[in-house]
Amino acid sequence: MLEYGLDLDAGHIVRWLRDDQAAGRRRKLDVRATREYDSEPVAEREDAGIIEELNAAVLTAIGTLEVRSVGVTHPWLLRVRVVDVVGSHLPEDESVPEDAEEIDLDALLNEFILPDRGTVSVSVECETPEGKQAFDRVLSEMITDQHGP
């Protein structure tokens, strides 16, 4: 398995996919965006400097975009992940969903792809060098903002 990071703007990727779908392009891509939350007790964080009895937690929102090639001999997976520390979360605060929930590309853009917010990573996984070549063709269209017929 080949995996490598991409130095590509996450917002550009999401907007390109949204525009590509709107243009009616029938690519063999499975696009899935999710939002989930993680809660880590503050008392377990060494840098917190807070008393354990408070029972507070650090709430983190995680937005993930996975784009998979479908029905091809040499598959690939493009993943965009944004981790954003939302703030403190007390036991009496409203609960957050335990499982990841699907969101659309606009929600991903509006909630996670924001200037100076969160930690963004973009990576690609390919099972074979031919899969990387197939991804590179899509990446070329993405970078040049082409959508084809």
Foldseek 3Di string as FASTA:
>chain_A
DDKDWDPDQPLLVLVLVVVLVVVVFDAQKDKWKWKDKDWAFLVPDPPNPDDNVQRKTWIKMKMKIWIWGPPDPKIKIKMKIWIFTPGIDGPPDDDTDHDIDTDHSVCCCVPGSDPPTTDITIMMDIPDVVNVVVVVVVVVCSVVSHNDD
